[in-house]
Amino acid sequence: MTWDEAVAECERWHKHLNYQSDKARKMAQIAAKRRRGEIDEGEGRRQMRVLDMSPTVYDGAKLEQATRVLMKGQPK
């Protein structure tokens, strides 16, 4: 794996982490709306299903290799 490939893999991982963080924030907002009574149970469930319809899983198979390349230091 080259330095540029390693950087790209880490960027892909960070993009996935940002996606997961955004999804968690949206779920918390739905739960807060439900607790405040702004939406009923059915609407809360519908909104949660919309978020859960597209599960995204990060395949970290290359992440270990990428971090090893990066830990060696930037090429000169």
Protein backbone atom coordinates (compact mmCIF):
# COMPACT_ATOMS: atom_id res chain seq x y z
CA MET A 1 0.00 0.00 0.00
CA THR A 2 1.34 3.40 -0.92
CA TRP A 3 1.28 6.50 1.25
CA ASP A 4 -1.52 8.05 -0.85
CA GLU A 5 -3.59 4.87 -0.67
CA ALA A 6 -3.15 4.78 3.10
CA VAL A 7 -4.26 8.39 3.45
CA ALA A 8 -7.28 7.70 1.22
CA GLU A 9 -8.26 4.69 3.35
CA CYS A 10 -8.06 6.74 6.54
CA GLU A 11 -10.16 9.47 4.92
CA ARG A 12 -12.75 6.83 3.97
CA TRP A 13 -12.82 5.64 7.60
CA HIS A 14 -13.25 9.20 8.88
CA LYS A 15 -16.09 9.74 6.42
CA HIS A 16 -17.81 6.64 7.83
CA LEU A 17 -17.30 7.88 11.40
CA ASN A 18 -18.84 11.23 10.47
CA TYR A 19 -21.81 9.43 8.90
CA GLN A 20 -22.34 7.37 12.07
CA SER A 21 -22.08 10.47 14.24
CA ASP A 22 -24.61 12.32 12.10
CA LYS A 23 -27.00 9.36 12.22
CA ALA A 24 -26.73 9.18 16.03
CA ARG A 25 -27.41 12.93 16.29
CA LYS A 26 -30.53 12.57 14.11
CA MET A 27 -31.77 9.64 16.20
CA ALA A 28 -31.31 11.67 19.37
CA GLN A 29 -33.30 14.53 17.81
CA ILE A 30 -36.15 12.16 16.97
CA ALA A 31 -36.15 10.80 20.52
CA ALA A 32 -36.18 14.33 21.95
CA LYS A 33 -39.14 15.29 19.73
CA ARG A 34 -40.97 12.20 20.93
CA ARG A 35 -40.30 12.99 24.61
CA ARG A 36 -41.48 16.59 24.14
CA GLY A 37 -44.66 15.32 22.48
CA GLU A 38 -43.90 17.05 19.17
CA ILE A 39 -44.45 13.78 17.32
CA ASP A 40 -46.44 10.70 18.23
CA GLU A 41 -45.08 7.18 18.58
CA GLY A 42 -46.01 6.19 15.03
CA GLU A 43 -44.25 9.18 13.51
CA GLY A 44 -41.21 8.58 15.70
CA ARG A 45 -41.01 4.99 14.52
CA ARG A 46 -41.43 6.06 10.90
CA GLN A 47 -38.61 8.58 11.15
CA MET A 48 -36.36 6.00 12.82
CA ARG A 49 -37.10 3.48 10.03
CA VAL A 50 -36.08 6.07 7.44
CA LEU A 51 -32.70 6.41 9.17
CA ASP A 52 -32.27 2.65 9.51
CA MET A 53 -33.17 1.86 5.89
CA SER A 54 -29.65 2.34 4.66
CA PRO A 55 -27.29 0.60 7.06
CA THR A 56 -23.68 1.36 6.22
CA VAL A 57 -20.88 -0.86 7.40
CA TYR A 58 -17.25 0.16 7.15
CA ASP A 59 -15.02 -2.65 5.92
CA GLY A 60 -11.85 -2.01 7.88
CA ALA A 61 -9.82 -4.74 6.18
CA LYS A 62 -7.33 -2.22 4.82
CA LEU A 63 -7.31 0.12 7.81
CA GLU A 64 -4.64 -1.80 9.74
CA GLN A 65 -2.35 -1.83 6.73
CA ALA A 66 -3.01 1.87 6.13
CA THR A 67 -2.14 2.82 9.69
CA ARG A 68 1.08 0.79 9.55
CA VAL A 69 2.15 2.63 6.40
CA LEU A 70 1.33 5.99 7.95
CA MET A 71 3.09 5.18 11.22
CA LYS A 72 6.32 4.60 9.33
CA GLY A 73 6.26 8.27 8.40
CA GLN A 74 5.69 10.34 5.32
CA PRO A 75 7.83 9.40 2.33
CA LYS A 76 10.62 11.81 1.54
